[in-house]
């Protein structure tokens, strides 16, 4: 049983998957985690104004962020809804105070009563012994049992790449293993979350700041060579190896073992596991991205670029299957590809990739700004001005739109 989506205008918002469905056009948009959280906060206010400080606290857990961070998040939400700040249908700015959701909303049933009903249903399922039928779960699983739902929730938390969400995902994976010690997907999840912990948050403080947001930076910083990191990575490796032994053809298990090997600096072994996963499923975009990063570590930009592009295409194919995972990260990967094209001196390819990003995420600010800069640099001033005008009609002017051609490097 799932919580019904919020409904307003032509939109249906699923707060569990952070997706917006336009019922008039039949299009589905996946929101970034913070953008979805912002929409939930504004809707839950029941038409009341939500102060900026309150939104910052709710979205960033009391971490100090600038007002521009909140403003950019609001701009992204408006862009997703096709809303106009000067004549809003959904998000109204209240000067010197905050924001207000100004459209009528059909609300789902009470979360509290729904959780009680879900609890009764889960208890009944457990009493019937259905959980005992759940053996090894893999990507092809279609069972909508409580265990599957918990694993889906853990996967979603893990993919947020926030420390507290990562620890929550780890706790769910471990709770599944307590009842199903050979659950391959949960084993892989535990290994992934452990590696993520030592790579991004070597000191656990439940903050969103990341000391090393990639394996490459973590390896070069030396933070993975501490005794504590090595001990945790060894534990993660044993769990991932057990998962691979139990289910050799599980892409979950193979990807997690590759992730452990890469964090340990065993890049050849990591490549082997990722390639096995890709042979089983050519759309295994996580393994393709990680392979690209390994080739970056090895200073092979051509191979890195090739794997990142394959990953982008795979994400495009997988969007209908897992929009909540692909949606927030495909534009980010497109920006990585565009930046690599610039670094290798292929400005035309970079322009094409910034345009690719804007096709799947219209008004994405970094892609829009970079596109204007590169169009100016190649003398395509008319096209640059068109991008500027289009963006300014919806959002604040882009910085690149106020710069002269001579300012562009």
Protein backbone atom coordinates (compact mmCIF):
# COMPACT_ATOMS: atom_id res chain seq x y z
CA UNK A 1 0.00 0.00 0.00
CA UNK A 2 1.40 3.43 -0.96
CA UNK A 3 0.55 6.94 0.13
CA UNK A 4 -1.60 8.68 -2.52
CA UNK A 5 0.07 11.62 -4.27
CA UNK A 6 -0.75 15.25 -3.58
CA UNK A 7 -2.83 16.76 -6.37
CA UNK A 8 -2.90 20.41 -7.47
CA UNK A 9 -3.68 21.86 -10.88
CA UNK A 10 -2.52 19.34 -13.52
CA UNK A 11 0.16 18.01 -11.15
CA UNK A 12 0.40 14.91 -8.98
CA UNK A 13 3.31 14.98 -6.52
CA UNK A 14 4.52 11.69 -5.02
CA UNK A 15 6.48 12.66 -1.90
CA UNK A 16 7.84 9.12 -1.54
CA UNK A 17 9.59 9.07 -4.91
CA UNK A 18 10.00 12.85 -5.39
CA UNK A 19 8.26 12.70 -8.77
CA UNK A 20 5.86 15.12 -10.46
CA UNK A 21 3.32 13.78 -12.95
CA UNK A 22 1.66 16.25 -15.32
CA UNK A 23 -1.70 14.60 -15.93
CA UNK A 24 -2.46 16.89 -18.89
CA UNK A 25 0.75 16.10 -20.78
CA UNK A 26 1.47 12.65 -19.36
CA UNK A 27 5.05 13.64 -18.48
CA UNK A 28 6.90 12.50 -15.36
CA UNK A 29 9.59 14.67 -13.75
CA UNK A 30 11.97 13.46 -11.06
CA UNK A 31 12.87 16.18 -8.56
CA UNK A 32 16.18 16.56 -6.79
CA UNK A 33 15.90 15.43 -3.14
CA UNK A 34 16.01 18.96 -1.68
CA UNK A 35 13.55 20.27 -4.27
CA UNK A 36 11.10 17.50 -3.38
CA UNK A 37 11.60 18.17 0.33
CA UNK A 38 10.90 21.87 -0.27
CA UNK A 39 7.65 21.10 -2.09
CA UNK A 40 6.58 18.79 0.75
CA UNK A 41 7.31 21.50 3.34
CA UNK A 42 5.32 24.14 1.46
CA UNK A 43 2.35 21.84 0.84
CA UNK A 44 2.31 20.64 4.46
CA UNK A 45 2.01 24.26 5.62
CA UNK A 46 -1.66 24.24 4.44
CA UNK A 47 -1.46 27.60 2.71
CA UNK A 48 0.45 29.33 5.50
CA UNK A 49 3.63 31.29 4.85
CA UNK A 50 6.79 29.33 5.69
CA UNK A 51 9.68 31.48 6.93
CA UNK A 52 13.02 31.24 5.12
CA UNK A 53 14.75 30.29 8.36
CA UNK A 54 12.24 27.50 8.98
CA UNK A 55 12.74 26.13 5.47
CA UNK A 56 16.51 26.25 5.85
CA UNK A 57 16.29 24.35 9.14
CA UNK A 58 13.91 21.73 7.75
CA UNK A 59 15.82 21.17 4.53
CA UNK A 60 19.38 21.41 5.78
CA UNK A 61 19.02 20.16 9.37
CA UNK A 62 20.15 23.41 11.01
CA UNK A 63 23.31 23.53 8.89
CA UNK A 64 24.12 27.12 8.01
CA UNK A 65 23.51 27.78 4.31
CA UNK A 66 23.25 31.05 2.44
CA UNK A 67 19.93 32.49 1.33
CA UNK A 68 21.04 31.94 -2.25
CA UNK A 69 21.02 28.17 -1.62
CA UNK A 70 17.34 28.29 -0.69
CA UNK A 71 16.61 30.69 -3.54
CA UNK A 72 18.21 28.34 -6.06
CA UNK A 73 16.15 25.45 -4.70
CA UNK A 74 12.96 27.52 -5.03
CA UNK A 75 13.97 28.43 -8.60
CA UNK A 76 14.43 24.75 -9.47
CA UNK A 77 11.00 23.94 -8.04
CA UNK A 78 9.37 26.76 -9.99
CA UNK A 79 11.08 25.57 -13.16
CA UNK A 80 9.81 22.03 -12.63
CA UNK A 81 6.25 23.33 -12.13
CA UNK A 82 6.47 25.84 -14.99
CA UNK A 83 5.68 28.56 -12.47
CA UNK A 84 6.37 32.26 -12.92
CA UNK A 85 7.71 34.17 -9.90
CA UNK A 86 6.07 37.40 -11.10
CA UNK A 87 2.62 35.77 -11.56
CA UNK A 88 2.75 32.58 -9.50
CA UNK A 89 0.24 29.77 -9.70
CA UNK A 90 1.95 27.67 -7.04
CA UNK A 91 4.92 29.25 -5.22
CA UNK A 92 4.40 32.81 -3.98
CA UNK A 93 7.29 34.84 -2.58
CA UNK A 94 6.37 36.80 0.54
CA UNK A 95 8.90 39.65 0.71
CA UNK A 96 11.15 39.66 3.80
CA UNK A 97 9.40 36.56 5.13
CA UNK A 98 9.44 33.41 3.03
CA UNK A 99 7.29 31.41 0.65
CA UNK A 100 3.69 30.21 0.38
CA UNK A 101 2.09 27.41 -1.61
CA UNK A 102 -0.90 29.22 -3.10
CA UNK A 103 -2.74 26.48 -5.05
CA UNK A 104 -5.55 24.27 -3.69
CA UNK A 105 -4.22 20.83 -2.79
CA UNK A 106 -6.03 17.52 -2.47
CA UNK A 107 -4.34 15.88 0.48
CA UNK A 108 -3.70 12.15 0.97
CA UNK A 109 -5.04 10.37 4.00
CA UNK A 110 -3.42 11.03 7.37
CA UNK A 111 0.13 9.71 7.54
CA UNK A 112 -0.48 8.52 11.10
CA UNK A 113 -3.58 6.49 10.30
CA UNK A 114 -1.93 5.16 7.17
CA UNK A 115 1.14 4.01 9.10
CA UNK A 116 -1.16 2.20 11.55
CA UNK A 117 -2.91 0.41 8.70
CA UNK A 118 0.40 -0.47 7.09
CA UNK A 119 1.57 -1.80 10.45
CA UNK A 120 -1.49 -4.04 10.73
CA UNK A 121 -0.99 -5.27 7.17
CA UNK A 122 2.69 -6.05 7.73
CA UNK A 123 1.86 -7.90 10.95
CA UNK A 124 -0.74 -9.97 9.11
CA UNK A 125 1.73 -10.76 6.34
CA UNK A 126 4.34 -11.85 8.85
CA UNK A 127 1.82 -14.08 10.62
CA UNK A 128 0.98 -15.78 7.34
CA UNK A 129 4.66 -16.60 6.90
CA UNK A 130 5.04 -14.92 3.54
CA UNK A 131 8.41 -13.46 4.55
CA UNK A 132 9.84 -16.98 4.55
CA UNK A 133 9.21 -17.13 0.80
CA UNK A 134 11.51 -14.16 0.16
CA UNK A 135 14.87 -15.59 -0.83
CA UNK A 136 17.49 -13.73 -2.81
CA UNK A 137 16.32 -10.36 -4.05
CA UNK A 138 17.86 -8.88 -7.19
CA UNK A 139 17.05 -6.12 -9.61
CA UNK A 140 14.50 -8.24 -11.41
CA UNK A 141 12.45 -8.66 -8.23
CA UNK A 142 8.82 -7.62 -8.62
CA UNK A 143 7.59 -8.78 -5.19
CA UNK A 144 5.94 -5.87 -3.35
CA UNK A 145 6.42 -7.48 0.06
CA UNK A 146 7.43 -5.51 3.16
CA UNK A 147 11.06 -6.62 2.75
CA UNK A 148 11.17 -5.36 -0.83
CA UNK A 149 9.60 -2.07 0.21
CA UNK A 150 12.18 -1.65 2.97
CA UNK A 151 15.01 -2.34 0.53
CA UNK A 152 13.57 0.15 -1.95
CA UNK A 153 13.42 2.74 0.80
CA UNK A 154 17.00 1.99 1.83
CA UNK A 155 18.17 2.29 -1.79
CA UNK A 156 16.46 5.67 -2.06
CA UNK A 157 18.09 6.90 1.14
CA UNK A 158 21.50 5.67 0.02
CA UNK A 159 21.18 7.47 -3.33
CA UNK A 160 20.69 10.83 -1.61
CA UNK A 161 24.42 10.86 -0.74
CA UNK A 162 23.79 12.62 2.57
CA UNK A 163 25.41 11.32 5.73
CA UNK A 164 22.27 10.90 7.83
CA UNK A 165 20.43 9.27 4.92
CA UNK A 166 23.37 6.93 4.35
CA UNK A 167 23.32 5.83 8.00
CA UNK A 168 19.56 5.34 7.84
CA UNK A 169 19.97 3.17 4.74
CA UNK A 170 22.68 1.14 6.47
CA UNK A 171 20.39 0.54 9.46
CA UNK A 172 17.59 -0.72 7.18
CA UNK A 173 19.91 -3.02 5.22
CA UNK A 174 21.27 -4.48 8.47
CA UNK A 175 17.76 -4.99 9.86
CA UNK A 176 16.87 -7.00 6.75
CA UNK A 177 19.99 -9.13 7.20
CA UNK A 178 18.95 -9.83 10.79
CA UNK A 179 15.96 -11.78 9.46
CA UNK A 180 17.45 -12.86 6.10
CA UNK A 181 21.24 -13.33 6.50
CA UNK A 182 21.71 -14.32 2.83
CA UNK A 183 19.71 -11.49 1.28
CA UNK A 184 22.06 -10.47 -1.53
CA UNK A 185 20.58 -7.04 -2.08
CA UNK A 186 20.82 -6.15 1.60
CA UNK A 187 24.41 -7.46 1.76
CA UNK A 188 25.33 -5.31 -1.23
CA UNK A 189 23.59 -2.34 0.37
CA UNK A 190 25.55 -2.72 3.60
CA UNK A 191 28.84 -2.87 1.70
CA UNK A 192 27.94 0.16 -0.42
CA UNK A 193 26.88 2.25 2.58
CA UNK A 194 30.05 1.36 4.50
CA UNK A 195 32.27 2.41 1.61
CA UNK A 196 30.24 5.58 1.16
CA UNK A 197 30.77 6.38 4.83
CA UNK A 198 34.57 6.20 4.73
CA UNK A 199 34.79 7.96 1.36
CA UNK A 200 32.51 10.90 2.10
CA UNK A 201 32.29 11.19 5.87
CA UNK A 202 35.40 9.83 7.62
CA UNK A 203 34.32 11.77 10.71
CA UNK A 204 30.68 11.09 11.51
CA UNK A 205 28.98 14.36 12.36
CA UNK A 206 25.74 14.06 10.41
CA UNK A 207 26.49 17.01 8.19
CA UNK A 208 25.99 17.34 4.46
CA UNK A 209 29.54 18.52 3.86
CA UNK A 210 31.73 15.92 2.19
CA UNK A 211 35.48 15.83 2.70
CA UNK A 212 36.01 13.63 -0.37
CA UNK A 213 32.93 13.24 -2.58
CA UNK A 214 34.66 10.68 -4.81
CA UNK A 215 36.86 7.62 -4.47
CA UNK A 216 39.58 9.39 -6.46
CA UNK A 217 39.80 12.27 -3.99
CA UNK A 218 39.50 9.97 -0.99
CA UNK A 219 42.39 7.83 -2.24
CA UNK A 220 44.59 10.83 -2.95
CA UNK A 221 43.83 12.41 0.44
CA UNK A 222 45.04 9.33 2.34
CA UNK A 223 41.88 9.17 4.45
CA UNK A 224 41.25 5.58 3.33
CA UNK A 225 44.57 4.44 4.81
CA UNK A 226 43.63 5.00 8.46
CA UNK A 227 43.25 1.91 10.63
CA UNK A 228 39.57 2.67 11.17
CA UNK A 229 38.90 3.07 7.44
CA UNK A 230 40.80 -0.11 6.59
CA UNK A 231 38.91 -2.07 9.21
CA UNK A 232 35.53 -0.88 7.89
CA UNK A 233 36.54 -1.55 4.27
CA UNK A 234 37.67 -5.06 5.19
CA UNK A 235 34.29 -5.75 6.77
CA UNK A 236 32.53 -4.33 3.70
CA UNK A 237 34.67 -6.52 1.42
CA UNK A 238 33.82 -9.70 3.34
CA UNK A 239 30.10 -8.92 3.12
CA UNK A 240 30.30 -8.09 -0.60
CA UNK A 241 32.35 -11.21 -1.34
CA UNK A 242 29.78 -13.31 0.50
CA UNK A 243 27.04 -11.74 -1.61
CA UNK A 244 28.92 -12.54 -4.83
CA UNK A 245 29.56 -16.14 -3.73
CA UNK A 246 25.90 -16.60 -2.88
CA UNK A 247 24.57 -14.92 -6.06
CA UNK A 248 27.37 -14.70 -8.67
CA UNK A 249 25.14 -13.06 -11.29
CA UNK A 250 23.78 -10.31 -9.05
CA UNK A 251 24.67 -6.89 -10.42
CA UNK A 252 24.00 -5.47 -6.96
CA UNK A 253 26.64 -7.75 -5.45
CA UNK A 254 29.20 -7.29 -8.23
CA UNK A 255 28.89 -3.51 -8.15
CA UNK A 256 29.28 -3.41 -4.38
CA UNK A 257 32.39 -5.60 -4.48
CA UNK A 258 33.87 -3.39 -7.20
CA UNK A 259 33.14 -0.35 -5.03
CA UNK A 260 34.98 -1.90 -2.08
CA UNK A 261 37.96 -2.90 -4.21
CA UNK A 262 38.24 0.61 -5.67
CA UNK A 263 38.21 2.21 -2.20
CA UNK A 264 40.94 -0.22 -1.16
CA UNK A 265 43.00 0.86 -4.17
CA UNK A 266 42.68 -2.51 -5.92
CA UNK A 267 41.64 -0.94 -9.21
CA UNK A 268 42.23 -3.98 -11.46
CA UNK A 269 39.95 -6.10 -9.26
CA UNK A 270 37.38 -3.31 -9.17
CA UNK A 271 37.37 -3.08 -12.97
CA UNK A 272 36.86 -6.84 -13.22
CA UNK A 273 33.77 -6.77 -10.98
CA UNK A 274 32.24 -3.76 -12.72
CA UNK A 275 32.78 -5.33 -16.15
CA UNK A 276 31.08 -8.54 -14.98
CA UNK A 277 28.08 -6.50 -13.85
CA UNK A 278 27.92 -4.68 -17.19
CA UNK A 279 28.10 -7.94 -19.15
CA UNK A 280 25.07 -9.16 -17.20
CA UNK A 281 23.21 -5.87 -17.58
CA UNK A 282 24.53 -3.33 -20.14
CA UNK A 283 22.31 -0.70 -18.47
CA UNK A 284 24.11 -1.06 -15.13
CA UNK A 285 24.82 2.67 -15.06
CA UNK A 286 26.24 2.75 -11.54
CA UNK A 287 29.04 0.38 -12.53
CA UNK A 288 29.65 2.36 -15.73
CA UNK A 289 30.01 5.59 -13.75
CA UNK A 290 32.38 3.96 -11.29
CA UNK A 291 34.45 2.56 -14.16
CA UNK A 292 34.68 6.05 -15.60
CA UNK A 293 35.98 7.33 -12.28
CA UNK A 294 38.63 4.59 -12.16
CA UNK A 295 39.87 5.61 -15.61
CA UNK A 296 40.02 9.20 -14.37
CA UNK A 297 42.20 8.00 -11.49
CA UNK A 298 44.41 6.31 -14.09
CA UNK A 299 44.53 9.56 -16.06
CA UNK A 300 42.85 8.07 -19.11
CA UNK A 301 40.31 10.78 -19.99
CA UNK A 302 39.29 9.11 -23.26
CA UNK A 303 38.25 5.87 -21.51
CA UNK A 304 36.64 7.84 -18.66
CA UNK A 305 34.61 9.91 -21.11
CA UNK A 306 33.54 6.81 -23.03
CA UNK A 307 32.21 5.09 -19.89
CA UNK A 308 30.48 8.23 -18.62
CA UNK A 309 28.66 8.59 -21.95
CA UNK A 310 27.63 4.92 -21.84
CA UNK A 311 26.37 5.49 -18.30
CA UNK A 312 24.37 8.54 -19.40
CA UNK A 313 22.73 6.55 -22.21
CA UNK A 314 22.00 3.69 -19.80
CA UNK A 315 20.39 6.10 -17.37
CA UNK A 316 18.21 7.36 -20.20
CA UNK A 317 17.06 3.79 -20.84
CA UNK A 318 16.49 3.10 -17.15
CA UNK A 319 14.59 6.28 -16.32
CA UNK A 320 11.17 4.66 -16.70
CA UNK A 321 12.27 1.84 -14.37
CA UNK A 322 13.87 3.91 -11.59
CA UNK A 323 13.06 7.61 -12.10
CA UNK A 324 13.68 8.43 -8.44
CA UNK A 325 17.32 7.33 -8.78
CA UNK A 326 18.13 8.36 -12.33
CA UNK A 327 16.31 11.70 -12.32
CA UNK A 328 18.46 13.67 -9.86
CA UNK A 329 21.83 12.30 -11.05
CA UNK A 330 21.63 12.12 -14.84
CA UNK A 331 21.89 15.92 -15.27
CA UNK A 332 24.88 15.94 -12.91
CA UNK A 333 26.59 13.28 -15.02
CA UNK A 334 25.82 15.25 -18.17
CA UNK A 335 27.60 18.25 -16.63
CA UNK A 336 30.61 16.07 -15.80
CA UNK A 337 30.74 14.93 -19.43
CA UNK A 338 30.43 18.49 -20.74
CA UNK A 339 33.20 19.70 -18.43
CA UNK A 340 35.48 16.85 -19.55
CA UNK A 341 34.82 17.80 -23.17
CA UNK A 342 35.89 21.34 -22.35
CA UNK A 343 39.03 20.08 -20.62
CA UNK A 344 39.98 18.10 -23.70
CA UNK A 345 39.44 21.18 -25.87
CA UNK A 346 36.27 20.05 -27.65
CA UNK A 347 34.08 23.10 -27.09
CA UNK A 348 31.50 22.03 -29.69
CA UNK A 349 30.97 18.71 -27.92
CA UNK A 350 30.69 20.52 -24.59
CA UNK A 351 27.99 22.80 -26.01
CA UNK A 352 26.08 19.75 -27.26
CA UNK A 353 26.26 18.16 -23.81
CA UNK A 354 25.06 21.28 -22.00
CA UNK A 355 22.14 21.23 -24.44
CA UNK A 356 21.55 17.53 -23.63
CA UNK A 357 21.30 18.38 -19.95
CA UNK A 358 18.81 21.16 -20.66
CA UNK A 359 16.68 18.81 -22.75
CA UNK A 360 16.09 16.54 -19.76
CA UNK A 361 16.18 19.30 -17.11
CA UNK A 362 15.06 22.61 -18.62
CA UNK A 363 16.52 25.72 -16.94
CA UNK A 364 19.18 23.72 -15.06
CA UNK A 365 21.23 26.73 -13.85
CA UNK A 366 24.80 25.44 -14.31
CA UNK A 367 24.12 24.00 -17.77
CA UNK A 368 22.27 27.18 -18.81
CA UNK A 369 25.06 29.45 -17.60
CA UNK A 370 27.82 27.34 -19.18
CA UNK A 371 25.91 27.10 -22.44
CA UNK A 372 25.70 30.89 -22.66
CA UNK A 373 29.42 31.23 -21.91
CA UNK A 374 30.44 28.70 -24.55
CA UNK A 375 28.07 30.08 -27.18
CA UNK A 376 29.56 33.53 -26.60
CA UNK A 377 33.07 32.11 -26.82
CA UNK A 378 32.30 30.59 -30.22
CA UNK A 379 30.69 33.76 -31.56
CA UNK A 380 27.13 32.42 -31.38
CA UNK A 381 25.84 35.54 -29.65
CA UNK A 382 22.31 35.32 -31.03
CA UNK A 383 21.84 31.81 -29.68
CA UNK A 384 23.33 32.91 -26.35
CA UNK A 385 20.87 35.80 -26.14
CA UNK A 386 17.97 33.44 -26.85
CA UNK A 387 19.03 31.24 -23.93
CA UNK A 388 19.32 34.32 -21.71
CA UNK A 389 15.86 35.58 -22.65
CA UNK A 390 14.26 32.17 -22.18
CA UNK A 391 15.84 31.75 -18.76
CA UNK A 392 15.01 35.29 -17.59
CA UNK A 393 11.33 34.80 -18.46
CA UNK A 394 11.16 32.08 -15.80
CA UNK A 395 13.95 32.84 -13.33
CA UNK A 396 16.51 35.43 -12.31
CA UNK A 397 19.00 36.44 -15.03
CA UNK A 398 21.99 34.17 -15.49
CA UNK A 399 25.39 35.58 -14.47
CA UNK A 400 26.78 34.78 -17.92
CA UNK A 401 24.09 36.93 -19.50
CA UNK A 402 25.50 40.07 -17.89
CA UNK A 403 29.08 39.34 -18.95
CA UNK A 404 30.60 40.66 -22.14
CA UNK A 405 32.08 38.37 -24.73
CA UNK A 406 35.54 39.57 -23.71
CA UNK A 407 34.97 38.20 -20.18
CA UNK A 408 34.61 34.63 -21.48
CA UNK A 409 37.70 32.46 -21.30
